[in-house]
Amino acid sequence: QVQLVESGGGLVQAGGSLRLSCAASGGTFSTYTMGWFRQTPGKEREFVALVYWSSGTIRYADSVKGRFTISRDKNKNTSYLQMNSLKPEDTAVYYCKAVVAGTEYWGQGTQVTVSS
């Protein structure tokens, strides 16, 4: 059973930065992708970024391109999301998702609040 533990959320002023971490444990040797999604009340969860674990290929949502950077540390089974130039509209609960051996796993979510 894969477990994902997120950390790094918090309150920041517009223009500031935060770095989220997602540490995976348990059966991660066949990780396919790790990614980040976000959700605000009343809205569907939306894609932010993902990294293909083996190749390192990266994808971003248009809304975060040039501001957010996803990375991975294969030795630590950890994914990071560096968020710069944050905007109030980035305020959301951020979730980490991993696809391992064809199964999706989600973290518990971490709140990011950007004040104007």
C-alpha atoms as a PDB file:
ATOM      1  CA  GLN A   1       0.000   0.000   0.000  1.00  0.00           C
ATOM      2  CA  VAL A   2       1.446   3.335  -1.096  1.00  0.00           C
ATOM      3  CA  GLN A   3       1.175   6.249   1.282  1.00  0.00           C
ATOM      4  CA  LEU A   4       1.726   9.873   0.328  1.00  0.00           C
ATOM      5  CA  VAL A   5       2.524  12.535   2.901  1.00  0.00           C
ATOM      6  CA  GLU A   6       2.432  16.170   1.843  1.00  0.00           C
ATOM      7  CA  SER A   7       3.997  19.103   3.607  1.00  0.00           C
ATOM      8  CA  GLY A   8       4.928  22.706   3.003  1.00  0.00           C
ATOM      9  CA  GLY A   9       1.612  24.501   2.691  1.00  0.00           C
ATOM     10  CA  GLY A  10       0.846  27.715   4.500  1.00  0.00           C
ATOM     11  CA  LEU A  11      -0.030  31.374   4.249  1.00  0.00           C
ATOM     12  CA  VAL A  12       1.989  33.671   2.013  1.00  0.00           C
ATOM     13  CA  GLN A  13       1.560  37.115   0.521  1.00  0.00           C
ATOM     14  CA  ALA A  14       1.031  37.586  -3.183  1.00  0.00           C
ATOM     15  CA  GLY A  15       4.337  37.423  -5.008  1.00  0.00           C
ATOM     16  CA  GLY A  16       5.810  35.109  -2.435  1.00  0.00           C
ATOM     17  CA  SER A  17       6.975  31.511  -2.678  1.00  0.00           C
ATOM     18  CA  LEU A  18       6.265  28.162  -1.112  1.00  0.00           C
ATOM     19  CA  ARG A  19       7.640  24.676  -1.673  1.00  0.00           C
ATOM     20  CA  LEU A  20       5.443  21.638  -1.279  1.00  0.00           C
ATOM     21  CA  SER A  21       6.807  18.157  -0.703  1.00  0.00           C
ATOM     22  CA  CYS A  22       5.193  14.781  -1.264  1.00  0.00           C
ATOM     23  CA  ALA A  23       6.957  11.797   0.258  1.00  0.00           C
ATOM     24  CA  ALA A  24       5.892   8.365  -0.942  1.00  0.00           C
ATOM     25  CA  SER A  25       6.358   5.117   0.939  1.00  0.00           C
ATOM     26  CA  GLY A  26       5.408   1.495   0.390  1.00  0.00           C
ATOM     27  CA  GLY A  27       5.651  -0.252  -2.973  1.00  0.00           C
ATOM     28  CA  THR A  28       6.955   2.720  -4.886  1.00  0.00           C
ATOM     29  CA  PHE A  29       9.482   0.867  -7.018  1.00  0.00           C
ATOM     30  CA  SER A  30       7.158   0.985 -10.009  1.00  0.00           C
ATOM     31  CA  THR A  31       6.029   4.588  -9.719  1.00  0.00           C
ATOM     32  CA  TYR A  32       4.838   5.856 -13.069  1.00  0.00           C
ATOM     33  CA  THR A  33       3.964   9.473 -12.369  1.00  0.00           C
ATOM     34  CA  MET A  34       3.742  11.840  -9.452  1.00  0.00           C
ATOM     35  CA  GLY A  35       1.758  14.967  -9.757  1.00  0.00           C
ATOM     36  CA  TRP A  36       0.034  17.839  -8.042  1.00  0.00           C
ATOM     37  CA  PHE A  37      -3.579  18.889  -8.210  1.00  0.00           C
ATOM     38  CA  ARG A  38      -5.499  21.607  -6.412  1.00  0.00           C
ATOM     39  CA  GLN A  39      -9.055  22.218  -5.363  1.00  0.00           C
ATOM     40  CA  THR A  40     -11.088  25.126  -4.071  1.00  0.00           C
ATOM     41  CA  PRO A  41     -14.548  24.857  -2.480  1.00  0.00           C
ATOM     42  CA  GLY A  42     -17.268  24.187  -4.997  1.00  0.00           C
ATOM     43  CA  LYS A  43     -14.876  23.463  -7.825  1.00  0.00           C
ATOM     44  CA  GLU A  44     -13.473  20.304  -9.311  1.00  0.00           C
ATOM     45  CA  ARG A  45      -9.952  19.240  -8.541  1.00  0.00           C
ATOM     46  CA  GLU A  46      -7.660  20.597 -11.243  1.00  0.00           C
ATOM     47  CA  PHE A  47      -4.336  19.485 -12.605  1.00  0.00           C
ATOM     48  CA  VAL A  48      -1.271  21.561 -11.728  1.00  0.00           C
ATOM     49  CA  ALA A  49       1.843  19.603 -12.699  1.00  0.00           C
ATOM     50  CA  LEU A  50       3.233  16.109 -13.029  1.00  0.00           C
ATOM     51  CA  VAL A  51       6.520  14.323 -13.579  1.00  0.00           C
ATOM     52  CA  TYR A  52       7.028  10.956 -15.209  1.00  0.00           C
ATOM     53  CA  TRP A  53       9.095   9.178 -12.615  1.00  0.00           C
ATOM     54  CA  SER A  54      11.427   7.252 -14.881  1.00  0.00           C
ATOM     55  CA  SER A  55      12.112   9.745 -17.670  1.00  0.00           C
ATOM     56  CA  GLY A  56      11.704  12.987 -15.767  1.00  0.00           C
ATOM     57  CA  THR A  57       9.349  14.363 -18.403  1.00  0.00           C
ATOM     58  CA  ILE A  58       7.274  17.180 -16.959  1.00  0.00           C
ATOM     59  CA  ARG A  59       3.866  18.650 -17.701  1.00  0.00           C
ATOM     60  CA  TYR A  60       2.297  21.859 -16.368  1.00  0.00           C
ATOM     61  CA  ALA A  61      -1.077  23.478 -16.427  1.00  0.00           C
ATOM     62  CA  ASP A  62      -1.010  26.696 -18.446  1.00  0.00           C
ATOM     63  CA  SER A  63      -2.015  28.673 -15.366  1.00  0.00           C
ATOM     64  CA  VAL A  64       1.230  27.834 -13.547  1.00  0.00           C
ATOM     65  CA  LYS A  65       3.764  27.668 -16.372  1.00  0.00           C
ATOM     66  CA  GLY A  66       6.759  29.861 -15.668  1.00  0.00           C
ATOM     67  CA  ARG A  67       5.889  30.173 -11.972  1.00  0.00           C
ATOM     68  CA  PHE A  68       5.788  26.615 -10.626  1.00  0.00           C
ATOM     69  CA  THR A  69       8.460  23.962 -10.925  1.00  0.00           C
ATOM     70  CA  ILE A  70       7.945  20.286 -10.223  1.00  0.00           C
ATOM     71  CA  SER A  71      10.893  18.054  -9.446  1.00  0.00           C
ATOM     72  CA  ARG A  72      11.618  14.646  -8.015  1.00  0.00           C
ATOM     73  CA  ASP A  73      14.211  12.943  -5.862  1.00  0.00           C
ATOM     74  CA  LYS A  74      14.140   9.285  -6.846  1.00  0.00           C
ATOM     75  CA  ASN A  75      16.334   8.269  -3.916  1.00  0.00           C
ATOM     76  CA  LYS A  76      13.902   9.800  -1.447  1.00  0.00           C
ATOM     77  CA  ASN A  77      10.734   8.873  -3.393  1.00  0.00           C
ATOM     78  CA  THR A  78       9.738  12.489  -3.022  1.00  0.00           C
ATOM     79  CA  SER A  79       8.217  15.013  -5.375  1.00  0.00           C
ATOM     80  CA  TYR A  80       8.493  18.760  -4.886  1.00  0.00           C
ATOM     81  CA  LEU A  81       6.461  21.665  -6.153  1.00  0.00           C
ATOM     82  CA  GLN A  82       8.269  24.983  -6.014  1.00  0.00           C
ATOM     83  CA  MET A  83       5.715  27.760  -6.311  1.00  0.00           C
ATOM     84  CA  ASN A  84       6.952  31.265  -7.072  1.00  0.00           C
ATOM     85  CA  SER A  85       5.163  34.513  -7.854  1.00  0.00           C
ATOM     86  CA  LEU A  86       2.106  33.229  -6.069  1.00  0.00           C
ATOM     87  CA  LYS A  87      -1.240  34.853  -6.764  1.00  0.00           C
ATOM     88  CA  PRO A  88      -4.422  34.940  -4.681  1.00  0.00           C
ATOM     89  CA  GLU A  89      -6.034  32.676  -7.279  1.00  0.00           C
ATOM     90  CA  ASP A  90      -3.486  30.003  -6.402  1.00  0.00           C
ATOM     91  CA  THR A  91      -5.220  29.637  -3.044  1.00  0.00           C
ATOM     92  CA  ALA A  92      -6.423  26.037  -2.761  1.00  0.00           C
ATOM     93  CA  VAL A  93      -5.882  22.705  -1.109  1.00  0.00           C
ATOM     94  CA  TYR A  94      -3.035  21.052  -2.966  1.00  0.00           C
ATOM     95  CA  TYR A  95      -3.034  17.295  -3.368  1.00  0.00           C
ATOM     96  CA  CYS A  96      -0.261  14.975  -4.409  1.00  0.00           C
ATOM     97  CA  LYS A  97      -1.135  12.036  -6.630  1.00  0.00           C
ATOM     98  CA  ALA A  98       0.991   9.043  -7.545  1.00  0.00           C
ATOM     99  CA  VAL A  99       0.286   6.351 -10.086  1.00  0.00           C
ATOM    100  CA  VAL A 100       1.966   3.142  -9.020  1.00  0.00           C
ATOM    101  CA  ALA A 101       1.512  -0.132 -10.880  1.00  0.00           C
ATOM    102  CA  GLY A 102      -1.634   1.231 -12.496  1.00  0.00           C
ATOM    103  CA  THR A 103      -3.264   2.379  -9.258  1.00  0.00           C
ATOM    104  CA  GLU A 104      -3.843   5.986  -8.229  1.00  0.00           C
ATOM    105  CA  TYR A 105      -2.965   7.151  -4.731  1.00  0.00           C
ATOM    106  CA  TRP A 106      -3.709  10.541  -3.199  1.00  0.00           C
ATOM    107  CA  GLY A 107      -2.238  12.452  -0.329  1.00  0.00           C
ATOM    108  CA  GLN A 108      -4.309  14.104   2.356  1.00  0.00           C
ATOM    109  CA  GLY A 109      -3.891  17.599   0.940  1.00  0.00           C
ATOM    110  CA  THR A 110      -2.159  20.712   2.202  1.00  0.00           C
ATOM    111  CA  GLN A 111      -3.676  24.185   2.321  1.00  0.00           C
ATOM    112  CA  VAL A 112      -2.026  27.016   0.421  1.00  0.00           C
ATOM    113  CA  THR A 113      -3.406  30.493   1.052  1.00  0.00           C
ATOM    114  CA  VAL A 114      -2.152  33.517  -0.846  1.00  0.00           C
ATOM    115  CA  SER A 115      -3.187  36.880   0.537  1.00  0.00           C
ATOM    116  CA  SER A 116      -3.470  39.966  -1.627  1.00  0.00           C
END
